[in-house]
Amino acid sequence: MGGIIPRICISLRSKNRTVRKLACEIASNLFQHSSSEMFEVFVSGLLEHLVQVCEKDENEVSKEALIAISKLAQNISLEQVFKLIDLGVLEALHSQMLRTSTEQILLAIQVIEQFLRKEKDVKKGGTKVSFKETGLVELLEIKSILQTLENLQLHENYEVYETTYRIIQQYFIEPEDCLLYTSDAADDLLCVDLGGRRIIKK
C-alpha cells in the first residue's frame, strides 16, 4: 500500500481535474480494508488532501472524494473518526450538504449518520470516549450542521428528508423526548434555554 499513497497525495494536488478525480477513485479502492490496516493512510497526509478536495473542489471531483470518504467511514474506528474530524471532514461534509446535487447531499448525511452510529455503539458498550472532550453530537451543533440537517427535512427528495429526520430523532432527541434546537426559530413555543441551546417541548 505504501508505494502508491505518496503518488495519490501528489495527484490530489494536481491542477488537472481528471488527475484529481482519478486519484480519488484510487483512494476509494484503497479504503476497502479493516481499520487495523488504516494506520499508514492516517499518517501519510493523504486524508488531509482528500478532505480539502471534498470541501473545495468542483462538483464532479468533490463527489469522488466524498465517495472515498464514505468508503473510509465504513472501516474505521471511532477514534479514527475523530482524527478525521481534526482534518476538517465535518466542514467538508457540511459543504456537500449545501450543494445542489441530491446524490452528494444524501451521501454526506449518510456519512455523518455512520459517524454518529459509531459513537453511539461505543457509548452503549460502556466504553468512555476519552480521546475527545467534545462529543460528536455537540460538534455537529457547534458547527451548525444540526441546523442544516433540520433545514434538509424540507428537501424535495424523500430519501434526504427521511434520512435527516431519522438522524435527528435518533441522536438529537433528549431522553425526556425533547428536541434540541440551535436557533431561536421556535421562540413562540414552550422552551427552556440550556447554555445557549433550546429545548423544544414536543
C-alpha atoms as a PDB file:
ATOM      1  CA  MET A   1       0.000   0.000   0.000  1.00  0.00           C
ATOM      2  CA  GLY A   2       2.869   2.345   0.872  1.00  0.00           C
ATOM      3  CA  GLY A   3       4.239   2.952  -2.621  1.00  0.00           C
ATOM      4  CA  ILE A   4       1.002   4.219  -4.077  1.00  0.00           C
ATOM      5  CA  ILE A   5      -0.047   6.554  -1.249  1.00  0.00           C
ATOM      6  CA  PRO A   6       2.575   9.264  -1.944  1.00  0.00           C
ATOM      7  CA  ARG A   7       1.570   9.231  -5.616  1.00  0.00           C
ATOM      8  CA  ILE A   8      -2.089   9.675  -4.692  1.00  0.00           C
ATOM      9  CA  CYS A   9      -1.153  12.641  -2.470  1.00  0.00           C
ATOM     10  CA  ILE A  10       0.706  14.264  -5.367  1.00  0.00           C
ATOM     11  CA  SER A  11      -2.177  13.590  -7.755  1.00  0.00           C
ATOM     12  CA  LEU A  12      -4.726  15.112  -5.364  1.00  0.00           C
ATOM     13  CA  ARG A  13      -2.748  18.366  -5.573  1.00  0.00           C
ATOM     14  CA  SER A  14      -2.598  18.289  -9.377  1.00  0.00           C
ATOM     15  CA  LYS A  15      -4.004  21.214 -11.377  1.00  0.00           C
ATOM     16  CA  ASN A  16      -5.547  18.687 -13.745  1.00  0.00           C
ATOM     17  CA  ARG A  17      -9.147  17.886 -12.806  1.00  0.00           C
ATOM     18  CA  THR A  18      -9.026  14.426 -14.406  1.00  0.00           C
ATOM     19  CA  VAL A  19      -5.902  13.523 -12.436  1.00  0.00           C
ATOM     20  CA  ARG A  20      -7.502  14.624  -9.140  1.00  0.00           C
ATOM     21  CA  LYS A  21     -10.655  12.672  -9.933  1.00  0.00           C
ATOM     22  CA  LEU A  22      -8.681   9.526 -10.729  1.00  0.00           C
ATOM     23  CA  ALA A  23      -6.700   9.916  -7.500  1.00  0.00           C
ATOM     24  CA  CYS A  24      -9.968   9.978  -5.544  1.00  0.00           C
ATOM     25  CA  GLU A  25     -11.128   6.813  -7.304  1.00  0.00           C
ATOM     26  CA  ILE A  26      -7.861   5.040  -6.469  1.00  0.00           C
ATOM     27  CA  ALA A  27      -8.175   6.178  -2.851  1.00  0.00           C
ATOM     28  CA  SER A  28     -11.664   4.633  -2.751  1.00  0.00           C
ATOM     29  CA  ASN A  29     -10.183   1.289  -3.714  1.00  0.00           C
ATOM     30  CA  LEU A  30      -7.528   1.584  -1.009  1.00  0.00           C
ATOM     31  CA  PHE A  31     -10.131   2.092   1.677  1.00  0.00           C
ATOM     32  CA  GLN A  32     -11.567  -1.402   1.274  1.00  0.00           C
ATOM     33  CA  HIS A  33      -9.615  -2.528   4.344  1.00  0.00           C
ATOM     34  CA  SER A  34     -10.208  -3.023   8.054  1.00  0.00           C
ATOM     35  CA  SER A  35      -9.347  -0.270  10.496  1.00  0.00           C
ATOM     36  CA  SER A  36      -6.225  -2.187  11.566  1.00  0.00           C
ATOM     37  CA  GLU A  37      -4.746  -1.583   8.099  1.00  0.00           C
ATOM     38  CA  MET A  38      -5.512   2.126   8.084  1.00  0.00           C
ATOM     39  CA  PHE A  39      -2.569   3.382  10.123  1.00  0.00           C
ATOM     40  CA  GLU A  40      -0.496   4.274   7.076  1.00  0.00           C
ATOM     41  CA  VAL A  41      -3.429   6.072   5.469  1.00  0.00           C
ATOM     42  CA  PHE A  42      -3.802   8.299   8.532  1.00  0.00           C
ATOM     43  CA  VAL A  43      -0.122   9.191   8.903  1.00  0.00           C
ATOM     44  CA  SER A  44       0.614   9.727   5.217  1.00  0.00           C
ATOM     45  CA  GLY A  45      -1.170  13.057   4.701  1.00  0.00           C
ATOM     46  CA  LEU A  46      -3.473  11.502   2.106  1.00  0.00           C
ATOM     47  CA  LEU A  47      -6.643  12.169   4.085  1.00  0.00           C
ATOM     48  CA  GLU A  48      -5.841  15.836   4.597  1.00  0.00           C
ATOM     49  CA  HIS A  49      -5.589  16.309   0.826  1.00  0.00           C
ATOM     50  CA  LEU A  50      -8.717  14.212   0.220  1.00  0.00           C
ATOM     51  CA  VAL A  51     -10.762  16.265   2.691  1.00  0.00           C
ATOM     52  CA  GLN A  52      -9.639  19.501   1.023  1.00  0.00           C
ATOM     53  CA  VAL A  53     -10.689  18.187  -2.396  1.00  0.00           C
ATOM     54  CA  CYS A  54     -14.054  17.114  -0.962  1.00  0.00           C
ATOM     55  CA  GLU A  55     -14.692  20.556   0.522  1.00  0.00           C
ATOM     56  CA  LYS A  56     -13.311  22.897  -2.111  1.00  0.00           C
ATOM     57  CA  ASP A  57     -13.138  21.174  -5.495  1.00  0.00           C
ATOM     58  CA  GLU A  58     -15.761  21.366  -8.231  1.00  0.00           C
ATOM     59  CA  ASN A  59     -18.729  19.021  -8.066  1.00  0.00           C
ATOM     60  CA  GLU A  60     -17.509  16.157 -10.250  1.00  0.00           C
ATOM     61  CA  VAL A  61     -14.183  15.830  -8.421  1.00  0.00           C
ATOM     62  CA  SER A  62     -15.501  16.562  -4.933  1.00  0.00           C
ATOM     63  CA  LYS A  63     -18.140  13.877  -5.442  1.00  0.00           C
ATOM     64  CA  GLU A  64     -15.415  11.258  -5.993  1.00  0.00           C
ATOM     65  CA  ALA A  65     -13.622  12.476  -2.865  1.00  0.00           C
ATOM     66  CA  LEU A  66     -16.896  12.176  -0.940  1.00  0.00           C
ATOM     67  CA  ILE A  67     -17.370   8.616  -2.196  1.00  0.00           C
ATOM     68  CA  ALA A  68     -13.858   7.776  -0.995  1.00  0.00           C
ATOM     69  CA  ILE A  69     -14.594   9.255   2.440  1.00  0.00           C
ATOM     70  CA  SER A  70     -17.846   7.291   2.639  1.00  0.00           C
ATOM     71  CA  LYS A  71     -15.950   4.039   1.997  1.00  0.00           C
ATOM     72  CA  LEU A  72     -13.354   5.004   4.571  1.00  0.00           C
ATOM     73  CA  ALA A  73     -16.080   5.718   7.124  1.00  0.00           C
ATOM     74  CA  GLN A  74     -17.275   2.121   6.928  1.00  0.00           C
ATOM     75  CA  ASN A  75     -13.935   0.681   8.013  1.00  0.00           C
ATOM     76  CA  ILE A  76     -12.546   2.952  10.725  1.00  0.00           C
ATOM     77  CA  SER A  77     -12.873   3.145  14.490  1.00  0.00           C
ATOM     78  CA  LEU A  78     -14.459   5.996  16.422  1.00  0.00           C
ATOM     79  CA  GLU A  79     -11.012   7.213  17.442  1.00  0.00           C
ATOM     80  CA  GLN A  80     -10.070   7.377  13.753  1.00  0.00           C
ATOM     81  CA  VAL A  81     -13.321   9.245  13.053  1.00  0.00           C
ATOM     82  CA  PHE A  82     -12.180  11.970  15.442  1.00  0.00           C
ATOM     83  CA  LYS A  83      -8.769  12.059  13.774  1.00  0.00           C
ATOM     84  CA  LEU A  84     -10.619  12.618  10.520  1.00  0.00           C
ATOM     85  CA  ILE A  85     -12.656  15.368  12.187  1.00  0.00           C
ATOM     86  CA  ASP A  86      -9.395  17.065  13.214  1.00  0.00           C
ATOM     87  CA  LEU A  87      -8.504  17.144   9.500  1.00  0.00           C
ATOM     88  CA  GLY A  88     -11.716  19.048   8.730  1.00  0.00           C
ATOM     89  CA  VAL A  89     -14.018  16.277   7.493  1.00  0.00           C
ATOM     90  CA  LEU A  90     -17.120  17.782   9.144  1.00  0.00           C
ATOM     91  CA  GLU A  91     -16.591  21.050   7.277  1.00  0.00           C
ATOM     92  CA  ALA A  92     -16.149  19.080   4.045  1.00  0.00           C
ATOM     93  CA  LEU A  93     -19.327  17.081   4.638  1.00  0.00           C
ATOM     94  CA  HIS A  94     -21.204  20.269   5.522  1.00  0.00           C
ATOM     95  CA  SER A  95     -20.119  21.858   2.246  1.00  0.00           C
ATOM     96  CA  GLN A  96     -21.507  18.826   0.416  1.00  0.00           C
ATOM     97  CA  MET A  97     -24.803  19.147   2.276  1.00  0.00           C
ATOM     98  CA  LEU A  98     -25.123  22.701   0.938  1.00  0.00           C
ATOM     99  CA  ARG A  99     -24.611  21.740  -2.709  1.00  0.00           C
ATOM    100  CA  THR A 100     -27.374  21.278  -5.255  1.00  0.00           C
ATOM    101  CA  SER A 101     -26.701  17.617  -6.053  1.00  0.00           C
ATOM    102  CA  THR A 102     -29.181  15.403  -4.207  1.00  0.00           C
ATOM    103  CA  GLU A 103     -26.799  12.461  -4.537  1.00  0.00           C
ATOM    104  CA  GLN A 104     -23.988  14.343  -2.812  1.00  0.00           C
ATOM    105  CA  ILE A 105     -26.274  15.718  -0.101  1.00  0.00           C
ATOM    106  CA  LEU A 106     -27.573  12.240   0.675  1.00  0.00           C
ATOM    107  CA  LEU A 107     -24.139  10.636   0.718  1.00  0.00           C
ATOM    108  CA  ALA A 108     -22.788  13.344   3.045  1.00  0.00           C
ATOM    109  CA  ILE A 109     -25.578  12.916   5.594  1.00  0.00           C
ATOM    110  CA  GLN A 110     -25.193   9.142   5.400  1.00  0.00           C
ATOM    111  CA  VAL A 111     -21.519   9.501   6.332  1.00  0.00           C
ATOM    112  CA  ILE A 112     -22.498  11.694   9.279  1.00  0.00           C
ATOM    113  CA  GLU A 113     -25.003   9.038  10.323  1.00  0.00           C
ATOM    114  CA  GLN A 114     -22.243   6.403  10.215  1.00  0.00           C
ATOM    115  CA  PHE A 115     -20.072   8.558  12.473  1.00  0.00           C
ATOM    116  CA  LEU A 116     -22.934   9.060  14.935  1.00  0.00           C
ATOM    117  CA  ARG A 117     -23.703   5.336  14.977  1.00  0.00           C
ATOM    118  CA  LYS A 118     -20.090   4.518  15.812  1.00  0.00           C
ATOM    119  CA  GLU A 119     -20.138   6.939  18.750  1.00  0.00           C
ATOM    120  CA  LYS A 120     -23.460   5.585  19.996  1.00  0.00           C
ATOM    121  CA  ASP A 121     -22.263   1.963  19.763  1.00  0.00           C
ATOM    122  CA  VAL A 122     -19.102   2.753  21.713  1.00  0.00           C
ATOM    123  CA  LYS A 123     -21.048   4.514  24.461  1.00  0.00           C
ATOM    124  CA  LYS A 124     -23.620   1.715  24.526  1.00  0.00           C
ATOM    125  CA  GLY A 125     -20.798  -0.737  25.138  1.00  0.00           C
ATOM    126  CA  GLY A 126     -19.840   1.180  28.259  1.00  0.00           C
ATOM    127  CA  THR A 127     -16.558   2.458  26.839  1.00  0.00           C
ATOM    128  CA  LYS A 128     -15.650   6.005  27.811  1.00  0.00           C
ATOM    129  CA  VAL A 129     -14.697   8.189  24.857  1.00  0.00           C
ATOM    130  CA  SER A 130     -11.538   9.535  26.448  1.00  0.00           C
ATOM    131  CA  PHE A 131      -9.721  10.745  23.326  1.00  0.00           C
ATOM    132  CA  LYS A 132     -12.054  13.693  22.687  1.00  0.00           C
ATOM    133  CA  GLU A 133     -13.519  16.156  25.165  1.00  0.00           C
ATOM    134  CA  THR A 134     -16.403  17.227  22.914  1.00  0.00           C
ATOM    135  CA  GLY A 135     -18.706  14.516  21.602  1.00  0.00           C
ATOM    136  CA  LEU A 136     -19.822  14.246  18.002  1.00  0.00           C
ATOM    137  CA  VAL A 137     -23.395  15.347  18.707  1.00  0.00           C
ATOM    138  CA  GLU A 138     -22.109  18.530  20.331  1.00  0.00           C
ATOM    139  CA  LEU A 139     -19.672  19.156  17.484  1.00  0.00           C
ATOM    140  CA  LEU A 140     -22.474  18.924  14.931  1.00  0.00           C
ATOM    141  CA  GLU A 141     -24.390  21.553  16.873  1.00  0.00           C
ATOM    142  CA  ILE A 142     -21.375  23.826  17.270  1.00  0.00           C
ATOM    143  CA  LYS A 143     -20.530  23.669  13.565  1.00  0.00           C
ATOM    144  CA  SER A 144     -24.169  24.426  12.551  1.00  0.00           C
ATOM    145  CA  ILE A 145     -24.523  21.020  10.881  1.00  0.00           C
ATOM    146  CA  LEU A 146     -27.546  20.212  13.042  1.00  0.00           C
ATOM    147  CA  GLN A 147     -29.226  23.352  11.703  1.00  0.00           C
ATOM    148  CA  THR A 148     -28.556  22.197   8.148  1.00  0.00           C
ATOM    149  CA  LEU A 149     -29.944  18.747   8.953  1.00  0.00           C
ATOM    150  CA  GLU A 150     -33.101  20.419  10.233  1.00  0.00           C
ATOM    151  CA  ASN A 151     -33.363  22.500   7.052  1.00  0.00           C
ATOM    152  CA  LEU A 152     -32.896  19.421   4.864  1.00  0.00           C
ATOM    153  CA  GLN A 153     -36.065  17.928   6.337  1.00  0.00           C
ATOM    154  CA  LEU A 154     -37.792  20.282   3.894  1.00  0.00           C
ATOM    155  CA  HIS A 155     -35.848  18.880   0.917  1.00  0.00           C
ATOM    156  CA  GLU A 156     -37.957  17.748  -2.035  1.00  0.00           C
ATOM    157  CA  ASN A 157     -36.189  14.371  -2.167  1.00  0.00           C
ATOM    158  CA  TYR A 158     -37.923  11.910   0.148  1.00  0.00           C
ATOM    159  CA  GLU A 159     -34.769   9.917   0.972  1.00  0.00           C
ATOM    160  CA  VAL A 160     -32.978  13.088   2.055  1.00  0.00           C
ATOM    161  CA  TYR A 161     -35.943  14.029   4.246  1.00  0.00           C
ATOM    162  CA  GLU A 162     -36.238  10.511   5.693  1.00  0.00           C
ATOM    163  CA  THR A 163     -32.517  10.243   6.497  1.00  0.00           C
ATOM    164  CA  THR A 164     -32.268  13.654   8.151  1.00  0.00           C
ATOM    165  CA  TYR A 165     -35.440  13.017  10.128  1.00  0.00           C
ATOM    166  CA  ARG A 166     -34.085   9.672  11.331  1.00  0.00           C
ATOM    167  CA  ILE A 167     -30.744  11.208  12.366  1.00  0.00           C
ATOM    168  CA  ILE A 168     -32.430  13.954  14.379  1.00  0.00           C
ATOM    169  CA  GLN A 169     -34.841  11.526  16.030  1.00  0.00           C
ATOM    170  CA  GLN A 170     -32.141   9.003  16.981  1.00  0.00           C
ATOM    171  CA  TYR A 171     -29.295  11.291  18.015  1.00  0.00           C
ATOM    172  CA  PHE A 172     -30.673  14.719  18.921  1.00  0.00           C
ATOM    173  CA  ILE A 173     -33.733  13.889  20.983  1.00  0.00           C
ATOM    174  CA  GLU A 174     -33.306  14.121  24.736  1.00  0.00           C
ATOM    175  CA  PRO A 175     -34.353  11.121  26.868  1.00  0.00           C
ATOM    176  CA  GLU A 176     -37.351  13.086  28.109  1.00  0.00           C
ATOM    177  CA  ASP A 177     -38.488  13.377  24.479  1.00  0.00           C
ATOM    178  CA  CYS A 178     -37.396  16.960  23.822  1.00  0.00           C
ATOM    179  CA  LEU A 179     -35.830  18.123  20.582  1.00  0.00           C
ATOM    180  CA  LEU A 180     -32.645  20.179  20.647  1.00  0.00           C
ATOM    181  CA  TYR A 181     -32.521  23.314  18.520  1.00  0.00           C
ATOM    182  CA  THR A 182     -29.566  25.599  17.951  1.00  0.00           C
ATOM    183  CA  SER A 183     -31.554  28.596  16.781  1.00  0.00           C
ATOM    184  CA  ASP A 184     -34.420  30.734  18.033  1.00  0.00           C
ATOM    185  CA  ALA A 185     -36.697  29.555  15.219  1.00  0.00           C
ATOM    186  CA  ALA A 186     -39.379  28.397  17.641  1.00  0.00           C
ATOM    187  CA  ASP A 187     -39.301  31.133  20.258  1.00  0.00           C
ATOM    188  CA  ASP A 188     -43.062  31.161  20.406  1.00  0.00           C
ATOM    189  CA  LEU A 189     -43.152  27.564  21.666  1.00  0.00           C
ATOM    190  CA  LEU A 190     -42.650  26.318  25.204  1.00  0.00           C
ATOM    191  CA  CYS A 191     -38.892  26.057  25.599  1.00  0.00           C
ATOM    192  CA  VAL A 192     -36.072  26.053  28.117  1.00  0.00           C
ATOM    193  CA  ASP A 193     -32.696  27.609  27.406  1.00  0.00           C
ATOM    194  CA  LEU A 194     -29.770  25.423  28.495  1.00  0.00           C
ATOM    195  CA  GLY A 195     -26.399  27.009  27.894  1.00  0.00           C
ATOM    196  CA  GLY A 196     -27.405  28.555  24.604  1.00  0.00           C
ATOM    197  CA  ARG A 197     -29.290  25.525  23.271  1.00  0.00           C
ATOM    198  CA  ARG A 198     -33.059  25.500  23.071  1.00  0.00           C
ATOM    199  CA  ILE A 199     -35.128  22.545  24.176  1.00  0.00           C
ATOM    200  CA  ILE A 200     -38.394  22.472  22.271  1.00  0.00           C
ATOM    201  CA  LYS A 201     -41.086  20.507  24.073  1.00  0.00           C
ATOM    202  CA  LYS A 202     -42.965  18.138  21.818  1.00  0.00           C
END
